[in-house]
Structure formats: C-alpha cells, structure tokens
N, C-alpha and C. Protein backbone atom coordinates (compact mmCIF):
# COMPACT_ATOMS: atom_id res chain seq x y z
N MET A 1 -192.50 45.58 159.06
CA MET A 1 -191.26 45.48 158.31
C MET A 1 -191.46 46.16 156.96
N SER A 2 -190.48 46.92 156.52
CA SER A 2 -190.58 47.63 155.25
C SER A 2 -190.44 46.65 154.08
N ASN A 3 -190.91 47.10 152.94
CA ASN A 3 -190.81 46.27 151.74
C ASN A 3 -189.35 46.18 151.30
N PRO A 4 -188.92 44.98 150.91
CA PRO A 4 -187.54 44.84 150.39
C PRO A 4 -187.38 45.64 149.11
N SER A 5 -186.18 46.16 148.90
CA SER A 5 -185.89 46.91 147.67
C SER A 5 -185.78 45.94 146.49
N GLU A 6 -185.91 46.50 145.31
CA GLU A 6 -185.75 45.68 144.09
C GLU A 6 -184.37 45.04 144.05
N SER A 7 -183.35 45.78 144.45
CA SER A 7 -181.99 45.21 144.41
C SER A 7 -181.85 44.07 145.42
N ASP A 8 -182.47 44.21 146.60
CA ASP A 8 -182.46 43.11 147.57
C ASP A 8 -183.14 41.88 146.98
N LEU A 9 -184.30 42.08 146.38
CA LEU A 9 -185.05 40.96 145.79
C LEU A 9 -184.25 40.28 144.69
N GLU A 10 -183.58 41.06 143.85
CA GLU A 10 -182.75 40.49 142.78
C GLU A 10 -181.61 39.66 143.37
N GLU A 11 -180.95 40.21 144.39
CA GLU A 11 -179.85 39.48 145.01
C GLU A 11 -180.34 38.19 145.67
N TRP A 12 -181.42 38.28 146.41
CA TRP A 12 -181.95 37.10 147.08
C TRP A 12 -182.39 36.03 146.09
N ALA A 13 -182.99 36.46 144.98
CA ALA A 13 -183.40 35.51 143.95
C ALA A 13 -182.18 34.77 143.40
N SER A 14 -181.07 35.48 143.23
CA SER A 14 -179.86 34.82 142.73
C SER A 14 -179.33 33.83 143.76
N TRP A 15 -179.47 34.13 145.05
CA TRP A 15 -179.05 33.19 146.09
C TRP A 15 -179.87 31.91 145.99
N PHE A 16 -181.20 32.07 145.89
CA PHE A 16 -182.06 30.89 145.86
C PHE A 16 -181.88 30.08 144.57
N ARG A 17 -181.61 30.76 143.45
CA ARG A 17 -181.29 30.01 142.22
C ARG A 17 -180.03 29.20 142.42
N CYS A 18 -179.03 29.80 143.07
CA CYS A 18 -177.77 29.10 143.33
C CYS A 18 -178.01 27.86 144.19
N LEU A 19 -178.88 27.99 145.17
CA LEU A 19 -179.13 26.89 146.11
C LEU A 19 -180.14 25.87 145.59
N SER A 20 -180.63 26.05 144.38
CA SER A 20 -181.65 25.15 143.86
C SER A 20 -181.11 23.83 143.32
N ASP A 21 -179.82 23.65 143.37
CA ASP A 21 -179.20 22.42 142.86
C ASP A 21 -178.77 21.52 144.02
N PRO A 22 -179.19 20.25 144.01
CA PRO A 22 -178.85 19.35 145.11
C PRO A 22 -177.35 19.15 145.32
N THR A 23 -176.58 19.15 144.24
CA THR A 23 -175.13 18.98 144.39
C THR A 23 -174.52 20.18 145.09
N ARG A 24 -174.97 21.38 144.74
CA ARG A 24 -174.45 22.57 145.42
C ARG A 24 -174.84 22.56 146.90
N LEU A 25 -176.05 22.12 147.20
CA LEU A 25 -176.46 22.02 148.60
C LEU A 25 -175.60 21.00 149.35
N LYS A 26 -175.30 19.89 148.70
CA LYS A 26 -174.45 18.88 149.32
C LYS A 26 -173.04 19.43 149.57
N ILE A 27 -172.50 20.15 148.61
CA ILE A 27 -171.18 20.76 148.77
C ILE A 27 -171.21 21.76 149.92
N LEU A 28 -172.21 22.64 149.92
CA LEU A 28 -172.31 23.66 150.95
C LEU A 28 -172.48 23.03 152.33
N HIS A 29 -173.28 21.99 152.40
CA HIS A 29 -173.45 21.29 153.68
C HIS A 29 -172.12 20.71 154.16
N HIS A 30 -171.38 20.11 153.24
CA HIS A 30 -170.10 19.50 153.62
C HIS A 30 -169.11 20.54 154.13
N VAL A 31 -168.92 21.61 153.37
CA VAL A 31 -167.92 22.60 153.81
C VAL A 31 -168.39 23.35 155.05
N SER A 32 -169.69 23.50 155.23
CA SER A 32 -170.21 24.17 156.43
C SER A 32 -170.01 23.33 157.68
N SER A 33 -169.95 22.02 157.51
CA SER A 33 -169.82 21.14 158.67
C SER A 33 -168.38 21.01 159.15
N LEU A 34 -167.43 21.51 158.38
CA LEU A 34 -166.03 21.40 158.75
C LEU A 34 -165.59 22.61 159.57
N GLU A 35 -164.66 22.40 160.43
CA GLU A 35 -164.10 23.50 161.22
C GLU A 35 -162.80 24.03 160.59
N ARG A 36 -162.55 23.60 159.37
CA ARG A 36 -161.34 24.01 158.66
C ARG A 36 -161.68 24.08 157.17
N PRO A 37 -160.86 24.76 156.40
CA PRO A 37 -161.10 24.76 154.95
C PRO A 37 -160.91 23.36 154.36
N ALA A 38 -161.61 23.08 153.30
CA ALA A 38 -161.51 21.80 152.60
C ALA A 38 -160.82 22.01 151.26
N THR A 39 -160.18 20.96 150.79
CA THR A 39 -159.62 21.00 149.44
C THR A 39 -160.69 20.53 148.46
N VAL A 40 -160.50 20.85 147.20
CA VAL A 40 -161.44 20.40 146.18
C VAL A 40 -161.48 18.87 146.17
N GLY A 41 -160.33 18.23 146.31
CA GLY A 41 -160.28 16.76 146.34
C GLY A 41 -161.11 16.17 147.46
N GLU A 42 -161.06 16.79 148.63
CA GLU A 42 -161.87 16.32 149.76
C GLU A 42 -163.37 16.46 149.46
N ILE A 43 -163.72 17.55 148.81
CA ILE A 43 -165.12 17.77 148.47
C ILE A 43 -165.58 16.77 147.41
N VAL A 44 -164.73 16.51 146.43
CA VAL A 44 -165.04 15.51 145.40
C VAL A 44 -165.35 14.17 146.06
N GLU A 45 -164.51 13.77 146.99
CA GLU A 45 -164.70 12.50 147.68
C GLU A 45 -165.99 12.50 148.52
N ALA A 46 -166.24 13.61 149.18
CA ALA A 46 -167.40 13.68 150.07
C ALA A 46 -168.73 13.68 149.33
N VAL A 47 -168.78 14.33 148.17
CA VAL A 47 -170.06 14.44 147.46
C VAL A 47 -170.23 13.42 146.34
N GLY A 48 -169.17 12.69 146.01
CA GLY A 48 -169.29 11.63 145.02
C GLY A 48 -169.53 12.11 143.60
N ARG A 49 -168.95 13.24 143.26
CA ARG A 49 -169.06 13.77 141.90
C ARG A 49 -167.66 13.94 141.34
N SER A 50 -167.56 14.13 140.03
CA SER A 50 -166.25 14.31 139.40
C SER A 50 -165.65 15.65 139.80
N GLN A 51 -164.34 15.75 139.62
CA GLN A 51 -163.64 16.98 139.96
C GLN A 51 -164.16 18.14 139.11
N SER A 52 -164.41 17.91 137.84
CA SER A 52 -164.89 18.99 136.99
C SER A 52 -166.29 19.45 137.39
N THR A 53 -167.14 18.51 137.79
CA THR A 53 -168.48 18.87 138.25
C THR A 53 -168.42 19.67 139.54
N VAL A 54 -167.60 19.22 140.48
CA VAL A 54 -167.46 19.93 141.75
C VAL A 54 -166.89 21.32 141.51
N SER A 55 -165.90 21.43 140.65
CA SER A 55 -165.31 22.74 140.36
C SER A 55 -166.33 23.70 139.77
N LYS A 56 -167.18 23.19 138.86
CA LYS A 56 -168.23 24.02 138.27
C LYS A 56 -169.18 24.52 139.35
N HIS A 57 -169.61 23.63 140.24
CA HIS A 57 -170.53 24.02 141.31
C HIS A 57 -169.86 24.95 142.31
N LEU A 58 -168.58 24.73 142.59
CA LEU A 58 -167.86 25.64 143.49
C LEU A 58 -167.76 27.04 142.89
N GLN A 59 -167.59 27.13 141.60
CA GLN A 59 -167.53 28.43 140.94
C GLN A 59 -168.84 29.18 141.14
N ILE A 60 -169.95 28.48 140.98
CA ILE A 60 -171.27 29.11 141.15
C ILE A 60 -171.48 29.52 142.61
N LEU A 61 -171.12 28.64 143.54
CA LEU A 61 -171.24 28.97 144.95
C LEU A 61 -170.34 30.14 145.33
N SER A 62 -169.18 30.20 144.74
CA SER A 62 -168.24 31.29 145.00
C SER A 62 -168.75 32.61 144.44
N GLU A 63 -169.32 32.58 143.24
CA GLU A 63 -169.87 33.79 142.62
C GLU A 63 -170.96 34.41 143.50
N GLN A 64 -171.72 33.57 144.18
CA GLN A 64 -172.79 34.06 145.06
C GLN A 64 -172.29 34.24 146.49
N ARG A 65 -171.01 34.01 146.70
CA ARG A 65 -170.34 34.22 147.99
C ARG A 65 -170.81 33.26 149.09
N PHE A 66 -171.33 32.09 148.70
CA PHE A 66 -171.67 31.09 149.71
C PHE A 66 -170.41 30.39 150.21
N VAL A 67 -169.41 30.29 149.34
CA VAL A 67 -168.12 29.74 149.75
C VAL A 67 -167.04 30.75 149.42
N LEU A 68 -165.98 30.68 150.21
CA LEU A 68 -164.82 31.53 150.00
C LEU A 68 -163.66 30.63 149.60
N THR A 69 -162.87 31.07 148.63
CA THR A 69 -161.75 30.26 148.15
C THR A 69 -160.45 30.98 148.45
N GLU A 70 -159.42 30.16 148.65
CA GLU A 70 -158.10 30.71 148.94
C GLU A 70 -157.06 29.80 148.28
N ALA A 71 -156.20 30.41 147.50
CA ALA A 71 -155.12 29.64 146.88
C ALA A 71 -154.10 29.27 147.95
N ASP A 72 -153.66 28.01 147.90
CA ASP A 72 -152.66 27.50 148.84
C ASP A 72 -151.69 26.64 148.04
N GLY A 73 -150.72 27.30 147.42
CA GLY A 73 -149.79 26.57 146.56
C GLY A 73 -150.53 26.09 145.32
N ILE A 74 -150.49 24.77 145.09
CA ILE A 74 -151.15 24.20 143.91
C ILE A 74 -152.60 23.80 144.18
N ARG A 75 -153.05 23.96 145.41
CA ARG A 75 -154.43 23.57 145.72
C ARG A 75 -155.25 24.80 146.11
N THR A 76 -156.55 24.62 146.08
CA THR A 76 -157.47 25.66 146.48
C THR A 76 -158.21 25.20 147.73
N LEU A 77 -158.24 26.08 148.73
CA LEU A 77 -158.96 25.78 149.96
C LEU A 77 -160.33 26.45 149.91
N ILE A 78 -161.34 25.72 150.35
CA ILE A 78 -162.72 26.17 150.29
C ILE A 78 -163.29 26.18 151.70
N ARG A 79 -163.99 27.27 152.04
CA ARG A 79 -164.70 27.30 153.31
C ARG A 79 -166.03 28.01 153.12
N ALA A 80 -166.97 27.71 153.99
CA ALA A 80 -168.28 28.36 153.93
C ALA A 80 -168.13 29.81 154.38
N ASN A 81 -168.87 30.68 153.77
CA ASN A 81 -168.87 32.08 154.15
C ASN A 81 -169.74 32.22 155.41
N PRO A 82 -169.17 32.61 156.53
CA PRO A 82 -169.95 32.69 157.77
C PRO A 82 -171.07 33.72 157.72
N LEU A 83 -170.97 34.71 156.85
CA LEU A 83 -172.05 35.70 156.74
C LEU A 83 -173.35 35.07 156.25
N CYS A 84 -173.24 33.97 155.52
CA CYS A 84 -174.44 33.30 155.02
C CYS A 84 -175.31 32.78 156.16
N MET A 85 -174.69 32.46 157.28
CA MET A 85 -175.44 31.93 158.40
C MET A 85 -176.43 32.96 158.95
N SER A 86 -176.14 34.24 158.76
CA SER A 86 -177.07 35.27 159.23
C SER A 86 -177.86 35.91 158.08
N GLU A 87 -177.19 36.17 156.96
CA GLU A 87 -177.85 36.89 155.88
C GLU A 87 -178.93 36.08 155.17
N LEU A 88 -178.72 34.78 154.97
CA LEU A 88 -179.72 33.98 154.29
C LEU A 88 -181.00 33.86 155.12
N PRO A 89 -180.91 33.54 156.41
CA PRO A 89 -182.15 33.51 157.22
C PRO A 89 -182.84 34.88 157.29
N GLU A 90 -182.06 35.95 157.34
CA GLU A 90 -182.65 37.29 157.37
C GLU A 90 -183.39 37.58 156.06
N ALA A 91 -182.82 37.14 154.95
CA ALA A 91 -183.49 37.33 153.66
C ALA A 91 -184.79 36.53 153.62
N ALA A 92 -184.75 35.29 154.09
CA ALA A 92 -185.96 34.47 154.11
C ALA A 92 -187.03 35.11 155.00
N ALA A 93 -186.62 35.66 156.14
CA ALA A 93 -187.57 36.32 157.04
C ALA A 93 -188.18 37.55 156.36
N ALA A 94 -187.38 38.31 155.64
CA ALA A 94 -187.90 39.48 154.94
C ALA A 94 -188.88 39.08 153.84
N ILE A 95 -188.55 38.03 153.11
CA ILE A 95 -189.42 37.56 152.04
C ILE A 95 -190.76 37.09 152.61
N MET A 96 -190.69 36.39 153.73
CA MET A 96 -191.89 35.85 154.36
C MET A 96 -192.59 36.89 155.25
N ASN A 97 -192.00 38.10 155.31
CA ASN A 97 -192.55 39.20 156.09
C ASN A 97 -192.71 38.84 157.57
N THR A 98 -191.64 38.22 158.11
CA THR A 98 -191.65 37.88 159.52
C THR A 98 -190.28 38.19 160.10
N THR A 99 -190.23 38.52 161.35
CA THR A 99 -188.94 38.75 162.01
C THR A 99 -188.59 37.63 162.96
N ASN A 100 -189.48 36.66 163.08
CA ASN A 100 -189.25 35.54 164.00
C ASN A 100 -189.33 34.24 163.22
N LEU A 101 -188.20 33.60 163.01
CA LEU A 101 -188.17 32.36 162.23
C LEU A 101 -188.62 31.15 163.04
N ASP A 102 -188.89 31.32 164.35
CA ASP A 102 -189.31 30.19 165.19
C ASP A 102 -190.80 29.90 165.07
N ARG A 103 -191.52 30.62 164.28
CA ARG A 103 -192.97 30.43 164.15
C ARG A 103 -193.31 29.18 163.42
C-alpha cells in the first residue's frame, strides 16, 4: 500500500479529533442507528445533554461531514453520512498499513 498523502493525513486527523469526544460518539451512534433522520430534540432526549450542547456537537460533526443536516420548516433533520461507513474504516486501514480489517 502506498504512503498516505499529507492532505489525507491532515483530513483523517481532523476526523479522529472530531470523534475524540464521548458526546459526539453518542450522538453519531444514535443517528447511525436510525433508519430515518432525527430531530435535534430527539437527539437531546437520546443523549441526555442540553439542546445547546447537542447543537454545538452537531455543528462539529457536520463540519467533518459525519452527519448531514437538512432544514425542514422550523426544525433541522440530522442523519449519519453513509460515506463514513466506508471512508472511516478505509482511513484506519491505510493508517495501520493493512487492507484487511478482519485481522
């Protein structure tokens, strides 16, 4: 496997920094487990944090494209970015210099 580029490494580092917070992981886990978009209120209830805290974490997750947001009238719908299901494991495999994550 070829060496990752500096830009790949920078991007991947930003992903892992984003995922280093337990609340963000909890939010991402919740929205990933749904088969439909969630509202911010639903996420607040599911993760047990204040609306302002959840909104702050959603902004960070959105900036790194782990979640996708869509305006729906006065509410915002949140869903997990399906590309993360393939790109994040591929990045981890490249970092670990392996092509088989089953090892």
